[in-house]
Amino acid sequence: MSDTPKRLSLIWPSLATLVVIAFGFVTTGLWFPGLMILASPGTEGEVAAKAFALYSMAGPVAAALAVLTGWVRVAMGKRFSGLKWMIAIPIIWLVSLFGWLAIANAFCDGQFSCGA
């Protein structure tokens, strides 16, 4: 039998934390375009544009939630589960954002509202 530990080392959640924090800093770059969408004069009645702007600005919130959830799971003794949540939450946010853009591009010709 090998002497390697059966449990996941704390090195991997620590490295994942650094990556997720970097992801949070990178996604703060979406704040300026999001604020421009919210402040533009043509979006008073466009709820979809405002919702997209707010969702695109939530990257740092997703990163903070991922780190918090991950380390709570690690503290509970479930290191692998904590690592999964640290990775999954930002990926879910990013896939949802790209999915929203793909749907708007496919069905609404790149506009946020499909109305005429």
PDB file of N, CA and C in Angstrom:
ATOM      1  N   MET A   1       0.824  -1.189   0.000  1.00  0.00           N
ATOM      2  CA  MET A   1       0.000   0.000   0.000  1.00  0.00           C
ATOM      3  C   MET A   1       0.870   1.255   0.000  1.00  0.00           C
ATOM      4  N   SER A   2       0.342   2.244  -0.585  1.00  0.00           N
ATOM      5  CA  SER A   2       1.052   3.505  -0.685  1.00  0.00           C
ATOM      6  C   SER A   2       0.811   4.347   0.562  1.00  0.00           C
ATOM      7  N   ASP A   3       1.746   5.234   0.851  1.00  0.00           N
ATOM      8  CA  ASP A   3       1.602   6.122   2.005  1.00  0.00           C
ATOM      9  C   ASP A   3       0.980   7.457   1.637  1.00  0.00           C
ATOM     10  N   THR A   4       0.458   7.604   0.435  1.00  0.00           N
ATOM     11  CA  THR A   4      -0.162   8.859   0.033  1.00  0.00           C
ATOM     12  C   THR A   4      -1.475   9.040   0.776  1.00  0.00           C
ATOM     13  N   PRO A   5      -1.776  10.269   1.169  1.00  0.00           N
ATOM     14  CA  PRO A   5      -3.018  10.498   1.919  1.00  0.00           C
ATOM     15  C   PRO A   5      -4.248  10.313   1.039  1.00  0.00           C
ATOM     16  N   LYS A   6      -5.309   9.844   1.651  1.00  0.00           N
ATOM     17  CA  LYS A   6      -6.559   9.622   0.918  1.00  0.00           C
ATOM     18  C   LYS A   6      -7.314  10.937   0.701  1.00  0.00           C
ATOM     19  N   ARG A   7      -7.094  11.889   1.596  1.00  0.00           N
ATOM     20  CA  ARG A   7      -7.816  13.155   1.493  1.00  0.00           C
ATOM     21  C   ARG A   7      -7.042  14.156   0.645  1.00  0.00           C
ATOM     22  N   LEU A   8      -7.784  15.061   0.070  1.00  0.00           N
ATOM     23  CA  LEU A   8      -7.199  16.092  -0.776  1.00  0.00           C
ATOM     24  C   LEU A   8      -6.410  17.078   0.091  1.00  0.00           C
ATOM     25  N   SER A   9      -5.241  17.440  -0.343  1.00  0.00           N
ATOM     26  CA  SER A   9      -4.403  18.383   0.381  1.00  0.00           C
ATOM     27  C   SER A   9      -5.024  19.779   0.320  1.00  0.00           C
ATOM     28  N   LEU A  10      -4.643  20.628   1.267  1.00  0.00           N
ATOM     29  CA  LEU A  10      -5.136  22.002   1.269  1.00  0.00           C
ATOM     30  C   LEU A  10      -4.469  22.869   0.202  1.00  0.00           C
ATOM     31  N   ILE A  11      -3.483  22.317  -0.467  1.00  0.00           N
ATOM     32  CA  ILE A  11      -2.806  23.083  -1.514  1.00  0.00           C
ATOM     33  C   ILE A  11      -3.762  23.380  -2.669  1.00  0.00           C
ATOM     34  N   TRP A  12      -4.574  22.407  -3.068  1.00  0.00           N
ATOM     35  CA  TRP A  12      -5.469  22.593  -4.216  1.00  0.00           C
ATOM     36  C   TRP A  12      -6.560  23.621  -3.943  1.00  0.00           C
ATOM     37  N   PRO A  13      -7.255  23.593  -2.802  1.00  0.00           N
ATOM     38  CA  PRO A  13      -8.214  24.681  -2.547  1.00  0.00           C
ATOM     39  C   PRO A  13      -7.540  26.047  -2.449  1.00  0.00           C
ATOM     40  N   SER A  14      -6.310  26.081  -1.938  1.00  0.00           N
ATOM     41  CA  SER A  14      -5.592  27.358  -1.852  1.00  0.00           C
ATOM     42  C   SER A  14      -5.258  27.893  -3.239  1.00  0.00           C
ATOM     43  N   LEU A  15      -4.799  27.023  -4.121  1.00  0.00           N
ATOM     44  CA  LEU A  15      -4.513  27.450  -5.497  1.00  0.00           C
ATOM     45  C   LEU A  15      -5.788  27.858  -6.228  1.00  0.00           C
ATOM     46  N   ALA A  16      -6.871  27.104  -5.994  1.00  0.00           N
ATOM     47  CA  ALA A  16      -8.151  27.461  -6.616  1.00  0.00           C
ATOM     48  C   ALA A  16      -8.628  28.819  -6.118  1.00  0.00           C
ATOM     49  N   THR A  17      -8.381  29.122  -4.852  1.00  0.00           N
ATOM     50  CA  THR A  17      -8.751  30.428  -4.306  1.00  0.00           C
ATOM     51  C   THR A  17      -8.024  31.545  -5.039  1.00  0.00           C
ATOM     52  N   LEU A  18      -6.738  31.359  -5.285  1.00  0.00           N
ATOM     53  CA  LEU A  18      -5.973  32.380  -6.014  1.00  0.00           C
ATOM     54  C   LEU A  18      -6.508  32.571  -7.426  1.00  0.00           C
ATOM     55  N   VAL A  19      -6.851  31.486  -8.094  1.00  0.00           N
ATOM     56  CA  VAL A  19      -7.383  31.567  -9.456  1.00  0.00           C
ATOM     57  C   VAL A  19      -8.742  32.259  -9.459  1.00  0.00           C
ATOM     58  N   VAL A  20      -9.592  31.921  -8.498  1.00  0.00           N
ATOM     59  CA  VAL A  20     -10.933  32.520  -8.440  1.00  0.00           C
ATOM     60  C   VAL A  20     -10.843  33.999  -8.089  1.00  0.00           C
ATOM     61  N   ILE A  21      -9.935  34.374  -7.209  1.00  0.00           N
ATOM     62  CA  ILE A  21      -9.754  35.797  -6.895  1.00  0.00           C
ATOM     63  C   ILE A  21      -9.261  36.549  -8.128  1.00  0.00           C
ATOM     64  N   ALA A  22      -8.348  35.951  -8.888  1.00  0.00           N
ATOM     65  CA  ALA A  22      -7.901  36.574 -10.142  1.00  0.00           C
ATOM     66  C   ALA A  22      -9.064  36.707 -11.121  1.00  0.00           C
ATOM     67  N   PHE A  23      -9.912  35.673 -11.196  1.00  0.00           N
ATOM     68  CA  PHE A  23     -11.113  35.730 -12.032  1.00  0.00           C
ATOM     69  C   PHE A  23     -12.006  36.898 -11.604  1.00  0.00           C
ATOM     70  N   GLY A  24     -12.161  37.093 -10.310  1.00  0.00           N
ATOM     71  CA  GLY A  24     -12.969  38.207  -9.809  1.00  0.00           C
ATOM     72  C   GLY A  24     -12.405  39.553 -10.213  1.00  0.00           C
ATOM     73  N   PHE A  25     -11.074  39.686 -10.145  1.00  0.00           N
ATOM     74  CA  PHE A  25     -10.459  40.947 -10.563  1.00  0.00           C
ATOM     75  C   PHE A  25     -10.593  41.176 -12.061  1.00  0.00           C
ATOM     76  N   VAL A  26     -10.456  40.131 -12.846  1.00  0.00           N
ATOM     77  CA  VAL A  26     -10.584  40.268 -14.301  1.00  0.00           C
ATOM     78  C   VAL A  26     -12.006  40.658 -14.684  1.00  0.00           C
ATOM     79  N   THR A  27     -12.996  40.070 -14.009  1.00  0.00           N
ATOM     80  CA  THR A  27     -14.380  40.368 -14.376  1.00  0.00           C
ATOM     81  C   THR A  27     -14.845  41.739 -13.893  1.00  0.00           C
ATOM     82  N   THR A  28     -14.049  42.427 -13.083  1.00  0.00           N
ATOM     83  CA  THR A  28     -14.410  43.806 -12.760  1.00  0.00           C
ATOM     84  C   THR A  28     -14.300  44.694 -13.996  1.00  0.00           C
ATOM     85  N   GLY A  29     -13.618  44.208 -15.031  1.00  0.00           N
ATOM     86  CA  GLY A  29     -13.544  44.940 -16.288  1.00  0.00           C
ATOM     87  C   GLY A  29     -14.892  45.063 -16.981  1.00  0.00           C
ATOM     88  N   LEU A  30     -15.854  44.245 -16.585  1.00  0.00           N
ATOM     89  CA  LEU A  30     -17.196  44.338 -17.162  1.00  0.00           C
ATOM     90  C   LEU A  30     -18.056  45.394 -16.458  1.00  0.00           C
ATOM     91  N   TRP A  31     -17.544  45.982 -15.402  1.00  0.00           N
ATOM     92  CA  TRP A  31     -18.333  46.995 -14.701  1.00  0.00           C
ATOM     93  C   TRP A  31     -18.539  48.248 -15.548  1.00  0.00           C
ATOM     94  N   PHE A  32     -17.494  48.711 -16.223  1.00  0.00           N
ATOM     95  CA  PHE A  32     -17.624  49.939 -17.012  1.00  0.00           C
ATOM     96  C   PHE A  32     -18.641  49.785 -18.139  1.00  0.00           C
ATOM     97  N   PRO A  33     -18.579  48.714 -18.958  1.00  0.00           N
ATOM     98  CA  PRO A  33     -19.627  48.565 -19.970  1.00  0.00           C
ATOM     99  C   PRO A  33     -21.013  48.394 -19.354  1.00  0.00           C
ATOM    100  N   GLY A  34     -21.090  47.702 -18.228  1.00  0.00           N
ATOM    101  CA  GLY A  34     -22.382  47.533 -17.564  1.00  0.00           C
ATOM    102  C   GLY A  34     -22.947  48.856 -17.076  1.00  0.00           C
ATOM    103  N   LEU A  35     -22.085  49.686 -16.514  1.00  0.00           N
ATOM    104  CA  LEU A  35     -22.536  51.013 -16.078  1.00  0.00           C
ATOM    105  C   LEU A  35     -22.936  51.879 -17.262  1.00  0.00           C
ATOM    106  N   MET A  36     -22.244  51.721 -18.387  1.00  0.00           N
ATOM    107  CA  MET A  36     -22.612  52.487 -19.586  1.00  0.00           C
ATOM    108  C   MET A  36     -23.977  52.057 -20.113  1.00  0.00           C
ATOM    109  N   ILE A  37     -24.264  50.759 -20.047  1.00  0.00           N
ATOM    110  CA  ILE A  37     -25.591  50.288 -20.476  1.00  0.00           C
ATOM    111  C   ILE A  37     -26.663  50.847 -19.549  1.00  0.00           C
ATOM    112  N   LEU A  38     -26.384  50.836 -18.244  1.00  0.00           N
ATOM    113  CA  LEU A  38     -27.373  51.343 -17.294  1.00  0.00           C
ATOM    114  C   LEU A  38     -27.592  52.846 -17.424  1.00  0.00           C
ATOM    115  N   ALA A  39     -26.544  53.581 -17.762  1.00  0.00           N
ATOM    116  CA  ALA A  39     -26.642  55.035 -17.833  1.00  0.00           C
ATOM    117  C   ALA A  39     -27.047  55.550 -19.202  1.00  0.00           C
ATOM    118  N   SER A  40     -27.089  54.687 -20.207  1.00  0.00           N
ATOM    119  CA  SER A  40     -27.413  55.176 -21.549  1.00  0.00           C
ATOM    120  C   SER A  40     -28.873  55.625 -21.608  1.00  0.00           C
ATOM    121  N   PRO A  41     -29.146  56.672 -22.368  1.00  0.00           N
ATOM    122  CA  PRO A  41     -30.497  57.236 -22.385  1.00  0.00           C
ATOM    123  C   PRO A  41     -31.542  56.346 -23.048  1.00  0.00           C
ATOM    124  N   GLY A  42     -31.151  55.386 -23.847  1.00  0.00           N
ATOM    125  CA  GLY A  42     -32.127  54.562 -24.547  1.00  0.00           C
ATOM    126  C   GLY A  42     -32.622  53.364 -23.758  1.00  0.00           C
ATOM    127  N   THR A  43     -32.149  53.166 -22.535  1.00  0.00           N
ATOM    128  CA  THR A  43     -32.504  51.954 -21.800  1.00  0.00           C
ATOM    129  C   THR A  43     -33.496  52.200 -20.663  1.00  0.00           C
ATOM    130  N   GLU A  44     -34.275  53.278 -20.738  1.00  0.00           N
ATOM    131  CA  GLU A  44     -35.226  53.538 -19.655  1.00  0.00           C
ATOM    132  C   GLU A  44     -36.250  52.420 -19.526  1.00  0.00           C
ATOM    133  N   GLY A  45     -36.780  51.961 -20.649  1.00  0.00           N
ATOM    134  CA  GLY A  45     -37.817  50.948 -20.603  1.00  0.00           C
ATOM    135  C   GLY A  45     -37.337  49.540 -20.898  1.00  0.00           C
ATOM    136  N   GLU A  46     -36.075  49.379 -21.224  1.00  0.00           N
ATOM    137  CA  GLU A  46     -35.564  48.067 -21.594  1.00  0.00           C
ATOM    138  C   GLU A  46     -35.083  47.316 -20.360  1.00  0.00           C
ATOM    139  N   VAL A  47     -35.942  46.485 -19.845  1.00  0.00           N
ATOM    140  CA  VAL A  47     -35.619  45.715 -18.654  1.00  0.00           C
ATOM    141  C   VAL A  47     -34.554  44.674 -18.963  1.00  0.00           C
ATOM    142  N   ALA A  48     -34.593  44.084 -20.149  1.00  0.00           N
ATOM    143  CA  ALA A  48     -33.616  43.057 -20.515  1.00  0.00           C
ATOM    144  C   ALA A  48     -32.202  43.623 -20.563  1.00  0.00           C
ATOM    145  N   ALA A  49     -32.040  44.833 -21.065  1.00  0.00           N
ATOM    146  CA  ALA A  49     -30.712  45.443 -21.124  1.00  0.00           C
ATOM    147  C   ALA A  49     -30.185  45.732 -19.724  1.00  0.00           C
ATOM    148  N   LYS A  50     -31.055  46.211 -18.858  1.00  0.00           N
ATOM    149  CA  LYS A  50     -30.636  46.476 -17.475  1.00  0.00           C
ATOM    150  C   LYS A  50     -30.300  45.181 -16.742  1.00  0.00           C
ATOM    151  N   ALA A  51     -31.084  44.151 -16.978  1.00  0.00           N
ATOM    152  CA  ALA A  51     -30.816  42.866 -16.336  1.00  0.00           C
ATOM    153  C   ALA A  51     -29.479  42.300 -16.820  1.00  0.00           C
ATOM    154  N   PHE A  52     -29.206  42.406 -18.117  1.00  0.00           N
ATOM    155  CA  PHE A  52     -27.933  41.924 -18.635  1.00  0.00           C
ATOM    156  C   PHE A  52     -26.778  42.725 -18.050  1.00  0.00           C
ATOM    157  N   ALA A  53     -26.931  44.033 -17.931  1.00  0.00           N
ATOM    158  CA  ALA A  53     -25.865  44.865 -17.378  1.00  0.00           C
ATOM    159  C   ALA A  53     -25.573  44.473 -15.933  1.00  0.00           C
ATOM    160  N   LEU A  54     -26.615  44.271 -15.155  1.00  0.00           N
ATOM    161  CA  LEU A  54     -26.405  43.875 -13.761  1.00  0.00           C
ATOM    162  C   LEU A  54     -25.796  42.485 -13.662  1.00  0.00           C
ATOM    163  N   TYR A  55     -26.248  41.556 -14.506  1.00  0.00           N
ATOM    164  CA  TYR A  55     -25.704  40.206 -14.459  1.00  0.00           C
ATOM    165  C   TYR A  55     -24.246  40.186 -14.907  1.00  0.00           C
ATOM    166  N   SER A  56     -23.900  40.976 -15.904  1.00  0.00           N
ATOM    167  CA  SER A  56     -22.514  40.985 -16.368  1.00  0.00           C
ATOM    168  C   SER A  56     -21.582  41.608 -15.328  1.00  0.00           C
ATOM    169  N   MET A  57     -22.117  42.461 -14.465  1.00  0.00           N
ATOM    170  CA  MET A  57     -21.315  43.084 -13.423  1.00  0.00           C
ATOM    171  C   MET A  57     -21.167  42.182 -12.192  1.00  0.00           C
ATOM    172  N   ALA A  58     -21.813  41.035 -12.179  1.00  0.00           N
ATOM    173  CA  ALA A  58     -21.820  40.165 -10.999  1.00  0.00           C
ATOM    174  C   ALA A  58     -20.670  39.168 -10.966  1.00  0.00           C
ATOM    175  N   GLY A  59     -19.690  39.287 -11.813  1.00  0.00           N
ATOM    176  CA  GLY A  59     -18.552  38.380 -11.813  1.00  0.00           C
ATOM    177  C   GLY A  59     -17.779  38.373 -10.499  1.00  0.00           C
ATOM    178  N   PRO A  60     -17.437  39.554  -9.951  1.00  0.00           N
ATOM    179  CA  PRO A  60     -16.756  39.552  -8.661  1.00  0.00           C
ATOM    180  C   PRO A  60     -17.616  38.978  -7.530  1.00  0.00           C
ATOM    181  N   VAL A  61     -18.920  39.153  -7.631  1.00  0.00           N
ATOM    182  CA  VAL A  61     -19.814  38.568  -6.628  1.00  0.00           C
ATOM    183  C   VAL A  61     -19.795  37.048  -6.732  1.00  0.00           C
ATOM    184  N   ALA A  62     -19.787  36.534  -7.952  1.00  0.00           N
ATOM    185  CA  ALA A  62     -19.704  35.085  -8.154  1.00  0.00           C
ATOM    186  C   ALA A  62     -18.382  34.550  -7.624  1.00  0.00           C
ATOM    187  N   ALA A  63     -17.294  35.288  -7.828  1.00  0.00           N
ATOM    188  CA  ALA A  63     -15.995  34.860  -7.324  1.00  0.00           C
ATOM    189  C   ALA A  63     -15.972  34.855  -5.802  1.00  0.00           C
ATOM    190  N   ALA A  64     -16.515  35.894  -5.185  1.00  0.00           N
ATOM    191  CA  ALA A  64     -16.557  35.942  -3.717  1.00  0.00           C
ATOM    192  C   ALA A  64     -17.434  34.829  -3.156  1.00  0.00           C
ATOM    193  N   LEU A  65     -18.560  34.579  -3.799  1.00  0.00           N
ATOM    194  CA  LEU A  65     -19.440  33.499  -3.363  1.00  0.00           C
ATOM    195  C   LEU A  65     -18.749  32.140  -3.510  1.00  0.00           C
ATOM    196  N   ALA A  66     -17.983  31.968  -4.574  1.00  0.00           N
ATOM    197  CA  ALA A  66     -17.277  30.709  -4.787  1.00  0.00           C
ATOM    198  C   ALA A  66     -16.220  30.477  -3.716  1.00  0.00           C
ATOM    199  N   VAL A  67     -15.459  31.513  -3.397  1.00  0.00           N
ATOM    200  CA  VAL A  67     -14.425  31.367  -2.365  1.00  0.00           C
ATOM    201  C   VAL A  67     -15.064  31.094  -1.015  1.00  0.00           C
ATOM    202  N   LEU A  68     -16.110  31.830  -0.684  1.00  0.00           N
ATOM    203  CA  LEU A  68     -16.784  31.647   0.604  1.00  0.00           C
ATOM    204  C   LEU A  68     -17.390  30.248   0.711  1.00  0.00           C
ATOM    205  N   THR A  69     -18.120  29.833  -0.297  1.00  0.00           N
ATOM    206  CA  THR A  69     -18.742  28.507  -0.282  1.00  0.00           C
ATOM    207  C   THR A  69     -17.687  27.406  -0.242  1.00  0.00           C
ATOM    208  N   GLY A  70     -16.647  27.569  -1.025  1.00  0.00           N
ATOM    209  CA  GLY A  70     -15.595  26.565  -1.068  1.00  0.00           C
ATOM    210  C   GLY A  70     -14.903  26.382   0.267  1.00  0.00           C
ATOM    211  N   TRP A  71     -14.561  27.483   0.915  1.00  0.00           N
ATOM    212  CA  TRP A  71     -13.854  27.366   2.187  1.00  0.00           C
ATOM    213  C   TRP A  71     -14.762  26.932   3.324  1.00  0.00           C
ATOM    214  N   VAL A  72     -16.049  27.231   3.231  1.00  0.00           N
ATOM    215  CA  VAL A  72     -16.983  26.684   4.226  1.00  0.00           C
ATOM    216  C   VAL A  72     -17.035  25.170   4.098  1.00  0.00           C
ATOM    217  N   ARG A  73     -17.083  24.674   2.865  1.00  0.00           N
ATOM    218  CA  ARG A  73     -17.086  23.222   2.651  1.00  0.00           C
ATOM    219  C   ARG A  73     -15.763  22.596   3.112  1.00  0.00           C
ATOM    220  N   VAL A  74     -14.644  23.273   2.883  1.00  0.00           N
ATOM    221  CA  VAL A  74     -13.357  22.760   3.347  1.00  0.00           C
ATOM    222  C   VAL A  74     -13.332  22.716   4.868  1.00  0.00           C
ATOM    223  N   ALA A  75     -13.852  23.751   5.512  1.00  0.00           N
ATOM    224  CA  ALA A  75     -13.892  23.780   6.980  1.00  0.00           C
ATOM    225  C   ALA A  75     -14.789  22.687   7.544  1.00  0.00           C
ATOM    226  N   MET A  76     -15.782  22.280   6.775  1.00  0.00           N
ATOM    227  CA  MET A  76     -16.662  21.198   7.207  1.00  0.00           C
ATOM    228  C   MET A  76     -16.014  19.830   7.011  1.00  0.00           C
ATOM    229  N   GLY A  77     -14.816  19.800   6.449  1.00  0.00           N
ATOM    230  CA  GLY A  77     -14.112  18.547   6.240  1.00  0.00           C
ATOM    231  C   GLY A  77     -14.326  17.940   4.868  1.00  0.00           C
ATOM    232  N   LYS A  78     -14.992  18.639   3.994  1.00  0.00           N
ATOM    233  CA  LYS A  78     -15.256  18.134   2.646  1.00  0.00           C
ATOM    234  C   LYS A  78     -14.415  18.932   1.648  1.00  0.00           C
ATOM    235  N   ARG A  79     -13.143  18.607   1.583  1.00  0.00           N
ATOM    236  CA  ARG A  79     -12.205  19.379   0.769  1.00  0.00           C
ATOM    237  C   ARG A  79     -12.485  19.267  -0.719  1.00  0.00           C
ATOM    238  N   PHE A  80     -12.793  18.078  -1.197  1.00  0.00           N
ATOM    239  CA  PHE A  80     -13.051  17.916  -2.625  1.00  0.00           C
ATOM    240  C   PHE A  80     -14.321  18.659  -3.032  1.00  0.00           C
ATOM    241  N   SER A  81     -15.339  18.614  -2.182  1.00  0.00           N
ATOM    242  CA  SER A  81     -16.572  19.343  -2.464  1.00  0.00           C
ATOM    243  C   SER A  81     -16.313  20.855  -2.482  1.00  0.00           C
ATOM    244  N   GLY A  82     -15.489  21.328  -1.563  1.00  0.00           N
ATOM    245  CA  GLY A  82     -15.139  22.748  -1.544  1.00  0.00           C
ATOM    246  C   GLY A  82     -14.408  23.169  -2.806  1.00  0.00           C
ATOM    247  N   LEU A  83     -13.503  22.311  -3.267  1.00  0.00           N
ATOM    248  CA  LEU A  83     -12.774  22.598  -4.498  1.00  0.00           C
ATOM    249  C   LEU A  83     -13.720  22.634  -5.697  1.00  0.00           C
ATOM    250  N   LYS A  84     -14.660  21.694  -5.734  1.00  0.00           N
ATOM    251  CA  LYS A  84     -15.636  21.676  -6.835  1.00  0.00           C
ATOM    252  C   LYS A  84     -16.467  22.951  -6.858  1.00  0.00           C
ATOM    253  N   TRP A  85     -16.934  23.402  -5.692  1.00  0.00           N
ATOM    254  CA  TRP A  85     -17.756  24.611  -5.661  1.00  0.00           C
ATOM    255  C   TRP A  85     -16.956  25.853  -6.026  1.00  0.00           C
ATOM    256  N   MET A  86     -15.686  25.888  -5.627  1.00  0.00           N
ATOM    257  CA  MET A  86     -14.843  27.036  -5.992  1.00  0.00           C
ATOM    258  C   MET A  86     -14.680  27.150  -7.497  1.00  0.00           C
ATOM    259  N   ILE A  87     -14.659  26.021  -8.160  1.00  0.00           N
ATOM    260  CA  ILE A  87     -14.494  26.021  -9.610  1.00  0.00           C
ATOM    261  C   ILE A  87     -15.836  26.173 -10.326  1.00  0.00           C
ATOM    262  N   ALA A  88     -16.871  25.541  -9.790  1.00  0.00           N
ATOM    263  CA  ALA A  88     -18.164  25.481 -10.491  1.00  0.00           C
ATOM    264  C   ALA A  88     -18.897  26.814 -10.531  1.00  0.00           C
ATOM    265  N   ILE A  89     -18.906  27.556  -9.440  1.00  0.00           N
ATOM    266  CA  ILE A  89     -19.714  28.791  -9.405  1.00  0.00           C
ATOM    267  C   ILE A  89     -19.256  29.810 -10.448  1.00  0.00           C
ATOM    268  N   PRO A  90     -17.962  30.132 -10.568  1.00  0.00           N
ATOM    269  CA  PRO A  90     -17.571  31.068 -11.633  1.00  0.00           C
ATOM    270  C   PRO A  90     -17.815  30.523 -13.033  1.00  0.00           C
ATOM    271  N   ILE A  91     -17.642  29.215 -13.219  1.00  0.00           N
ATOM    272  CA  ILE A  91     -17.887  28.642 -14.545  1.00  0.00           C
ATOM    273  C   ILE A  91     -19.368  28.721 -14.901  1.00  0.00           C
ATOM    274  N   ILE A  92     -20.239  28.454 -13.951  1.00  0.00           N
ATOM    275  CA  ILE A  92     -21.682  28.569 -14.191  1.00  0.00           C
ATOM    276  C   ILE A  92     -22.038  30.003 -14.562  1.00  0.00           C
ATOM    277  N   TRP A  93     -21.472  30.971 -13.852  1.00  0.00           N
ATOM    278  CA  TRP A  93     -21.746  32.377 -14.160  1.00  0.00           C
ATOM    279  C   TRP A  93     -21.263  32.719 -15.574  1.00  0.00           C
ATOM    280  N   LEU A  94     -20.063  32.271 -15.918  1.00  0.00           N
ATOM    281  CA  LEU A  94     -19.495  32.599 -17.219  1.00  0.00           C
ATOM    282  C   LEU A  94     -20.267  31.935 -18.356  1.00  0.00           C
ATOM    283  N   VAL A  95     -20.632  30.672 -18.203  1.00  0.00           N
ATOM    284  CA  VAL A  95     -21.404  29.969 -19.233  1.00  0.00           C
ATOM    285  C   VAL A  95     -22.776  30.614 -19.392  1.00  0.00           C
ATOM    286  N   SER A  96     -23.386  31.031 -18.290  1.00  0.00           N
ATOM    287  CA  SER A  96     -24.684  31.705 -18.365  1.00  0.00           C
ATOM    288  C   SER A  96     -24.573  33.037 -19.109  1.00  0.00           C
ATOM    289  N   LEU A  97     -23.511  33.785 -18.850  1.00  0.00           N
ATOM    290  CA  LEU A  97     -23.312  35.061 -19.531  1.00  0.00           C
ATOM    291  C   LEU A  97     -23.137  34.861 -21.029  1.00  0.00           C
ATOM    292  N   PHE A  98     -22.291  33.896 -21.408  1.00  0.00           N
ATOM    293  CA  PHE A  98     -22.099  33.618 -22.836  1.00  0.00           C
ATOM    294  C   PHE A  98     -23.361  33.050 -23.475  1.00  0.00           C
ATOM    295  N   GLY A  99     -24.101  32.254 -22.734  1.00  0.00           N
ATOM    296  CA  GLY A  99     -25.369  31.724 -23.239  1.00  0.00           C
ATOM    297  C   GLY A  99     -26.370  32.833 -23.500  1.00  0.00           C
ATOM    298  N   TRP A 100     -26.423  33.794 -22.586  1.00  0.00           N
ATOM    299  CA  TRP A 100     -27.324  34.937 -22.758  1.00  0.00           C
ATOM    300  C   TRP A 100     -26.948  35.706 -24.024  1.00  0.00           C
ATOM    301  N   LEU A 101     -25.672  35.935 -24.214  1.00  0.00           N
ATOM    302  CA  LEU A 101     -25.228  36.642 -25.417  1.00  0.00           C
ATOM    303  C   LEU A 101     -25.522  35.838 -26.685  1.00  0.00           C
ATOM    304  N   ALA A 102     -25.329  34.524 -26.633  1.00  0.00           N
ATOM    305  CA  ALA A 102     -25.593  33.688 -27.804  1.00  0.00           C
ATOM    306  C   ALA A 102     -27.070  33.675 -28.157  1.00  0.00           C
ATOM    307  N   ILE A 103     -27.930  33.597 -27.158  1.00  0.00           N
ATOM    308  CA  ILE A 103     -29.374  33.606 -27.412  1.00  0.00           C
ATOM    309  C   ILE A 103     -29.814  34.956 -27.967  1.00  0.00           C
ATOM    310  N   ALA A 104     -29.290  36.038 -27.387  1.00  0.00           N
ATOM    311  CA  ALA A 104     -29.641  37.369 -27.901  1.00  0.00           C
ATOM    312  C   ALA A 104     -29.153  37.542 -29.326  1.00  0.00           C
ATOM    313  N   ASN A 105     -28.000  37.009 -29.630  1.00  0.00           N
ATOM    314  CA  ASN A 105     -27.462  37.123 -30.985  1.00  0.00           C
ATOM    315  C   ASN A 105     -28.236  36.262 -31.973  1.00  0.00           C
ATOM    316  N   ALA A 106     -28.654  35.077 -31.556  1.00  0.00           N
ATOM    317  CA  ALA A 106     -29.334  34.154 -32.464  1.00  0.00           C
ATOM    318  C   ALA A 106     -30.780  34.550 -32.732  1.00  0.00           C
ATOM    319  N   PHE A 107     -31.489  34.955 -31.709  1.00  0.00           N
ATOM    320  CA  PHE A 107     -32.920  35.186 -31.854  1.00  0.00           C
ATOM    321  C   PHE A 107     -33.311  36.651 -31.976  1.00  0.00           C
ATOM    322  N   CYS A 108     -32.490  37.545 -31.512  1.00  0.00           N
ATOM    323  CA  CYS A 108     -32.870  38.962 -31.486  1.00  0.00           C
ATOM    324  C   CYS A 108     -31.921  39.837 -32.298  1.00  0.00           C
ATOM    325  N   ASP A 109     -31.134  39.250 -33.177  1.00  0.00           N
ATOM    326  CA  ASP A 109     -30.199  39.967 -34.024  1.00  0.00           C
ATOM    327  C   ASP A 109     -29.235  40.840 -33.223  1.00  0.00           C
ATOM    328  N   GLY A 110     -28.790  40.327 -32.071  1.00  0.00           N
ATOM    329  CA  GLY A 110     -27.820  41.050 -31.249  1.00  0.00           C
ATOM    330  C   GLY A 110     -28.417  42.104 -30.359  1.00  0.00           C
ATOM    331  N   GLN A 111     -29.721  42.312 -30.420  1.00  0.00           N
ATOM    332  CA  GLN A 111     -30.380  43.295 -29.555  1.00  0.00           C
ATOM    333  C   GLN A 111     -30.826  42.615 -28.263  1.00  0.00           C
ATOM    334  N   PHE A 112     -30.984  43.390 -27.213  1.00  0.00           N
ATOM    335  CA  PHE A 112     -31.402  42.801 -25.930  1.00  0.00           C
ATOM    336  C   PHE A 112     -32.893  42.553 -25.856  1.00  0.00           C
ATOM    337  N   SER A 113     -33.666  43.273 -26.636  1.00  0.00           N
ATOM    338  CA  SER A 113     -35.107  43.030 -26.668  1.00  0.00           C
ATOM    339  C   SER A 113     -35.493  42.642 -28.085  1.00  0.00           C
ATOM    340  N   CYS A 114     -36.329  41.620 -28.204  1.00  0.00           N
ATOM    341  CA  CYS A 114     -36.717  41.128 -29.524  1.00  0.00           C
ATOM    342  C   CYS A 114     -37.907  41.891 -30.097  1.00  0.00           C
ATOM    343  N   GLY A 115     -38.400  42.875 -29.412  1.00  0.00           N
ATOM    344  CA  GLY A 115     -39.540  43.644 -29.908  1.00  0.00           C
ATOM    345  C   GLY A 115     -39.137  44.514 -31.088  1.00  0.00           C
ATOM    346  N   ALA A 116     -40.134  44.910 -31.850  1.00  0.00           N
ATOM    347  CA  ALA A 116     -39.880  45.702 -33.056  1.00  0.00           C
ATOM    348  C   ALA A 116     -39.595  47.128 -32.755  1.00  0.00           C
TER     349      ALA A 116
END
